[in-house]
Structures are given as structure tokens and as C-alpha cells.
Amino acid sequence: MKKFRCGDVVPGCTRAFTGSADEILLAVAAHARAEHGLSQVPAELVAQVDAAMVDA
């Protein structure tokens, strides 16, 4: 089980995610599209999210 806080990558965002790494990446991709206006999630962002995940 992992945890990720969007604010660790996007300052000011308070959204947090908990689950497996794959579940978090899927949820973050949907969040990035819906809340941050990204039509595609760049590989660099995926790497930042992966690096910022911690054990829950």
C-alpha cells in the first residue's frame, strides 16, 4: 500500500491518493486531466509521481 500527495509535485494541490502503485498512477492520471487540465500525462510527470510515493 502506497500514498501520494499531489501537492508534492504540484504546489498548492491538496489531493491525496492511497492504494497500490498502479492504482495511484491511474487515479493521478485521471486527476491530472480533470483538475490540472492535462490532456496527456507526460512520462516526466509519471516519474515524479512514482518517486514521490511513500509507504502508507
PDB file of N, CA and C in Angstrom:
ATOM      1  N   MET A   1       0.857  -1.171   0.000  1.00  0.00           N
ATOM      2  CA  MET A   1       0.000   0.000   0.000  1.00  0.00           C
ATOM      3  C   MET A   1       0.908   1.241   0.000  1.00  0.00           C
ATOM      4  N   LYS A   2       0.578   2.156  -0.901  1.00  0.00           N
ATOM      5  CA  LYS A   2       1.351   3.389  -1.064  1.00  0.00           C
ATOM      6  C   LYS A   2       0.449   4.596  -0.886  1.00  0.00           C
ATOM      7  N   LYS A   3       1.090   5.755  -0.727  1.00  0.00           N
ATOM      8  CA  LYS A   3       0.371   7.016  -0.602  1.00  0.00           C
ATOM      9  C   LYS A   3       1.101   8.051  -1.438  1.00  0.00           C
ATOM     10  N   PHE A   4       0.329   8.929  -2.078  1.00  0.00           N
ATOM     11  CA  PHE A   4       0.898  10.022  -2.856  1.00  0.00           C
ATOM     12  C   PHE A   4       0.068  11.272  -2.616  1.00  0.00           C
ATOM     13  N   ARG A   5       0.756  12.390  -2.395  1.00  0.00           N
ATOM     14  CA  ARG A   5       0.087  13.690  -2.255  1.00  0.00           C
ATOM     15  C   ARG A   5       0.432  14.521  -3.485  1.00  0.00           C
ATOM     16  N   CYS A   6      -0.574  14.945  -4.209  1.00  0.00           N
ATOM     17  CA  CYS A   6      -0.363  15.702  -5.437  1.00  0.00           C
ATOM     18  C   CYS A   6       0.459  16.967  -5.175  1.00  0.00           C
ATOM     19  N   GLY A   7       0.263  17.578  -4.031  1.00  0.00           N
ATOM     20  CA  GLY A   7       0.998  18.789  -3.684  1.00  0.00           C
ATOM     21  C   GLY A   7       2.501  18.598  -3.618  1.00  0.00           C
ATOM     22  N   ASP A   8       2.962  17.348  -3.526  1.00  0.00           N
ATOM     23  CA  ASP A   8       4.404  17.088  -3.559  1.00  0.00           C
ATOM     24  C   ASP A   8       4.974  17.312  -4.955  1.00  0.00           C
ATOM     25  N   VAL A   9       4.109  17.317  -5.966  1.00  0.00           N
ATOM     26  CA  VAL A   9       4.537  17.530  -7.351  1.00  0.00           C
ATOM     27  C   VAL A   9       3.943  18.819  -7.911  1.00  0.00           C
ATOM     28  N   VAL A  10       2.697  19.116  -7.531  1.00  0.00           N
ATOM     29  CA  VAL A  10       2.008  20.326  -7.988  1.00  0.00           C
ATOM     30  C   VAL A  10       1.706  21.181  -6.758  1.00  0.00           C
ATOM     31  N   PRO A  11       2.534  22.185  -6.487  1.00  0.00           N
ATOM     32  CA  PRO A  11       2.328  23.013  -5.299  1.00  0.00           C
ATOM     33  C   PRO A  11       0.914  23.578  -5.224  1.00  0.00           C
ATOM     34  N   GLY A  12       0.328  23.474  -4.038  1.00  0.00           N
ATOM     35  CA  GLY A  12      -0.998  24.016  -3.799  1.00  0.00           C
ATOM     36  C   GLY A  12      -2.121  23.014  -3.943  1.00  0.00           C
ATOM     37  N   CYS A  13      -1.871  21.873  -4.572  1.00  0.00           N
ATOM     38  CA  CYS A  13      -2.917  20.865  -4.717  1.00  0.00           C
ATOM     39  C   CYS A  13      -2.978  20.037  -3.435  1.00  0.00           C
ATOM     40  N   THR A  14      -4.178  19.828  -2.927  1.00  0.00           N
ATOM     41  CA  THR A  14      -4.346  19.117  -1.653  1.00  0.00           C
ATOM     42  C   THR A  14      -4.824  17.683  -1.816  1.00  0.00           C
ATOM     43  N   ARG A  15      -4.970  17.205  -3.030  1.00  0.00           N
ATOM     44  CA  ARG A  15      -5.477  15.851  -3.284  1.00  0.00           C
ATOM     45  C   ARG A  15      -4.451  14.806  -2.878  1.00  0.00           C
ATOM     46  N   ALA A  16      -4.913  13.738  -2.254  1.00  0.00           N
ATOM     47  CA  ALA A  16      -4.046  12.625  -1.845  1.00  0.00           C
ATOM     48  C   ALA A  16      -4.647  11.324  -2.346  1.00  0.00           C
ATOM     49  N   PHE A  17      -3.797  10.353  -2.601  1.00  0.00           N
ATOM     50  CA  PHE A  17      -4.202   9.058  -3.139  1.00  0.00           C
ATOM     51  C   PHE A  17      -3.549   7.953  -2.328  1.00  0.00           C
ATOM     52  N   THR A  18      -4.271   6.864  -2.129  1.00  0.00           N
ATOM     53  CA  THR A  18      -3.745   5.702  -1.419  1.00  0.00           C
ATOM     54  C   THR A  18      -4.152   4.457  -2.193  1.00  0.00           C
ATOM     55  N   GLY A  19      -3.234   3.499  -2.301  1.00  0.00           N
ATOM     56  CA  GLY A  19      -3.509   2.245  -2.992  1.00  0.00           C
ATOM     57  C   GLY A  19      -2.224   1.627  -3.469  1.00  0.00           C
ATOM     58  N   SER A  20      -2.333   0.695  -4.392  1.00  0.00           N
ATOM     59  CA  SER A  20      -1.118   0.135  -4.992  1.00  0.00           C
ATOM     60  C   SER A  20      -0.517   1.204  -5.907  1.00  0.00           C
ATOM     61  N   ALA A  21       0.719   1.027  -6.274  1.00  0.00           N
ATOM     62  CA  ALA A  21       1.375   1.996  -7.161  1.00  0.00           C
ATOM     63  C   ALA A  21       0.594   2.132  -8.467  1.00  0.00           C
ATOM     64  N   ASP A  22       0.135   1.026  -9.028  1.00  0.00           N
ATOM     65  CA  ASP A  22      -0.632   1.077 -10.277  1.00  0.00           C
ATOM     66  C   ASP A  22      -1.956   1.810 -10.099  1.00  0.00           C
ATOM     67  N   GLU A  23      -2.640   1.544  -8.989  1.00  0.00           N
ATOM     68  CA  GLU A  23      -3.915   2.228  -8.726  1.00  0.00           C
ATOM     69  C   GLU A  23      -3.701   3.725  -8.593  1.00  0.00           C
ATOM     70  N   ILE A  24      -2.648   4.100  -7.900  1.00  0.00           N
ATOM     71  CA  ILE A  24      -2.356   5.526  -7.721  1.00  0.00           C
ATOM     72  C   ILE A  24      -2.047   6.177  -9.055  1.00  0.00           C
ATOM     73  N   LEU A  25      -1.232   5.544  -9.881  1.00  0.00           N
ATOM     74  CA  LEU A  25      -0.889   6.131 -11.176  1.00  0.00           C
ATOM     75  C   LEU A  25      -2.135   6.331 -12.047  1.00  0.00           C
ATOM     76  N   LEU A  26      -3.040   5.377 -12.038  1.00  0.00           N
ATOM     77  CA  LEU A  26      -4.284   5.528 -12.803  1.00  0.00           C
ATOM     78  C   LEU A  26      -5.132   6.674 -12.267  1.00  0.00           C
ATOM     79  N   ALA A  27      -5.263   6.747 -10.949  1.00  0.00           N
ATOM     80  CA  ALA A  27      -6.066   7.808 -10.337  1.00  0.00           C
ATOM     81  C   ALA A  27      -5.433   9.179 -10.551  1.00  0.00           C
ATOM     82  N   VAL A  28      -4.115   9.246 -10.463  1.00  0.00           N
ATOM     83  CA  VAL A  28      -3.420  10.516 -10.659  1.00  0.00           C
ATOM     84  C   VAL A  28      -3.567  10.977 -12.114  1.00  0.00           C
ATOM     85  N   ALA A  29      -3.519  10.054 -13.052  1.00  0.00           N
ATOM     86  CA  ALA A  29      -3.691  10.424 -14.458  1.00  0.00           C
ATOM     87  C   ALA A  29      -5.067  11.041 -14.677  1.00  0.00           C
ATOM     88  N   ALA A  30      -6.104  10.434 -14.111  1.00  0.00           N
ATOM     89  CA  ALA A  30      -7.456  10.977 -14.236  1.00  0.00           C
ATOM     90  C   ALA A  30      -7.554  12.334 -13.547  1.00  0.00           C
ATOM     91  N   HIS A  31      -6.955  12.464 -12.388  1.00  0.00           N
ATOM     92  CA  HIS A  31      -6.949  13.720 -11.637  1.00  0.00           C
ATOM     93  C   HIS A  31      -6.220  14.814 -12.421  1.00  0.00           C
ATOM     94  N   ALA A  32      -5.087  14.466 -13.013  1.00  0.00           N
ATOM     95  CA  ALA A  32      -4.307  15.450 -13.771  1.00  0.00           C
ATOM     96  C   ALA A  32      -5.107  15.978 -14.961  1.00  0.00           C
ATOM     97  N   ARG A  33      -5.867  15.099 -15.600  1.00  0.00           N
ATOM     98  CA  ARG A  33      -6.698  15.531 -16.725  1.00  0.00           C
ATOM     99  C   ARG A  33      -7.858  16.400 -16.245  1.00  0.00           C
ATOM    100  N   ALA A  34      -8.551  15.950 -15.215  1.00  0.00           N
ATOM    101  CA  ALA A  34      -9.761  16.635 -14.747  1.00  0.00           C
ATOM    102  C   ALA A  34      -9.471  17.928 -13.995  1.00  0.00           C
ATOM    103  N   GLU A  35      -8.467  17.912 -13.142  1.00  0.00           N
ATOM    104  CA  GLU A  35      -8.235  19.050 -12.251  1.00  0.00           C
ATOM    105  C   GLU A  35      -7.091  19.974 -12.679  1.00  0.00           C
ATOM    106  N   HIS A  36      -6.147  19.439 -13.450  1.00  0.00           N
ATOM    107  CA  HIS A  36      -4.986  20.252 -13.834  1.00  0.00           C
ATOM    108  C   HIS A  36      -4.925  20.519 -15.335  1.00  0.00           C
ATOM    109  N   GLY A  37      -5.940  20.062 -16.064  1.00  0.00           N
ATOM    110  CA  GLY A  37      -6.058  20.395 -17.472  1.00  0.00           C
ATOM    111  C   GLY A  37      -5.066  19.720 -18.408  1.00  0.00           C
ATOM    112  N   LEU A  38      -4.453  18.635 -17.973  1.00  0.00           N
ATOM    113  CA  LEU A  38      -3.514  17.933 -18.839  1.00  0.00           C
ATOM    114  C   LEU A  38      -4.275  16.956 -19.734  1.00  0.00           C
ATOM    115  N   SER A  39      -4.107  17.087 -21.032  1.00  0.00           N
ATOM    116  CA  SER A  39      -4.776  16.159 -21.942  1.00  0.00           C
ATOM    117  C   SER A  39      -4.021  14.833 -21.993  1.00  0.00           C
ATOM    118  N   GLN A  40      -2.714  14.886 -21.801  1.00  0.00           N
ATOM    119  CA  GLN A  40      -1.882  13.686 -21.712  1.00  0.00           C
ATOM    120  C   GLN A  40      -0.955  13.848 -20.519  1.00  0.00           C
ATOM    121  N   VAL A  41      -0.601  12.732 -19.909  1.00  0.00           N
ATOM    122  CA  VAL A  41       0.292  12.769 -18.754  1.00  0.00           C
ATOM    123  C   VAL A  41       1.694  12.424 -19.246  1.00  0.00           C
ATOM    124  N   PRO A  42       2.610  13.404 -19.226  1.00  0.00           N
ATOM    125  CA  PRO A  42       3.957  13.152 -19.727  1.00  0.00           C
ATOM    126  C   PRO A  42       4.729  12.153 -18.855  1.00  0.00           C
ATOM    127  N   ALA A  43       5.648  11.442 -19.470  1.00  0.00           N
ATOM    128  CA  ALA A  43       6.464  10.454 -18.759  1.00  0.00           C
ATOM    129  C   ALA A  43       7.208  11.091 -17.588  1.00  0.00           C
ATOM    130  N   GLU A  44       7.614  12.337 -17.748  1.00  0.00           N
ATOM    131  CA  GLU A  44       8.329  13.039 -16.666  1.00  0.00           C
ATOM    132  C   GLU A  44       7.441  13.168 -15.429  1.00  0.00           C
ATOM    133  N   LEU A  45       6.172  13.451 -15.623  1.00  0.00           N
ATOM    134  CA  LEU A  45       5.240  13.568 -14.502  1.00  0.00           C
ATOM    135  C   LEU A  45       5.025  12.209 -13.838  1.00  0.00           C
ATOM    136  N   VAL A  46       4.898  11.172 -14.636  1.00  0.00           N
ATOM    137  CA  VAL A  46       4.751   9.821 -14.083  1.00  0.00           C
ATOM    138  C   VAL A  46       5.955   9.488 -13.208  1.00  0.00           C
ATOM    139  N   ALA A  47       7.149   9.833 -13.677  1.00  0.00           N
ATOM    140  CA  ALA A  47       8.370   9.569 -12.906  1.00  0.00           C
ATOM    141  C   ALA A  47       8.374  10.352 -11.601  1.00  0.00           C
ATOM    142  N   GLN A  48       7.900  11.600 -11.631  1.00  0.00           N
ATOM    143  CA  GLN A  48       7.842  12.415 -10.415  1.00  0.00           C
ATOM    144  C   GLN A  48       6.851  11.829  -9.418  1.00  0.00           C
ATOM    145  N   VAL A  49       5.707  11.391  -9.909  1.00  0.00           N
ATOM    146  CA  VAL A  49       4.699  10.784  -9.036  1.00  0.00           C
ATOM    147  C   VAL A  49       5.249   9.507  -8.421  1.00  0.00           C
ATOM    148  N   ASP A  50       5.861   8.674  -9.246  1.00  0.00           N
ATOM    149  CA  ASP A  50       6.425   7.419  -8.759  1.00  0.00           C
ATOM    150  C   ASP A  50       7.481   7.674  -7.679  1.00  0.00           C
ATOM    151  N   ALA A  51       8.311   8.676  -7.887  1.00  0.00           N
ATOM    152  CA  ALA A  51       9.370   8.996  -6.923  1.00  0.00           C
ATOM    153  C   ALA A  51       8.808   9.558  -5.616  1.00  0.00           C
ATOM    154  N   ALA A  52       7.639  10.204  -5.683  1.00  0.00           N
ATOM    155  CA  ALA A  52       7.059  10.845  -4.506  1.00  0.00           C
ATOM    156  C   ALA A  52       6.156   9.919  -3.690  1.00  0.00           C
ATOM    157  N   MET A  53       5.885   8.718  -4.192  1.00  0.00           N
ATOM    158  CA  MET A  53       5.055   7.763  -3.441  1.00  0.00           C
ATOM    159  C   MET A  53       5.811   7.255  -2.216  1.00  0.00           C
ATOM    160  N   VAL A  54       5.079   7.131  -1.130  1.00  0.00           N
ATOM    161  CA  VAL A  54       5.651   6.585   0.112  1.00  0.00           C
ATOM    162  C   VAL A  54       4.777   5.450   0.614  1.00  0.00           C
ATOM    163  N   ASP A  55       5.311   4.630   1.484  1.00  0.00           N
ATOM    164  CA  ASP A  55       4.513   3.565   2.086  1.00  0.00           C
ATOM    165  C   ASP A  55       3.419   4.185   2.942  1.00  0.00           C
ATOM    166  N   ALA A  56       2.212   3.642   2.821  1.00  0.00           N
ATOM    167  CA  ALA A  56       1.072   4.157   3.590  1.00  0.00           C
ATOM    168  C   ALA A  56       1.023   3.510   4.955  1.00  0.00           C
TER     169      ALA A  56
END
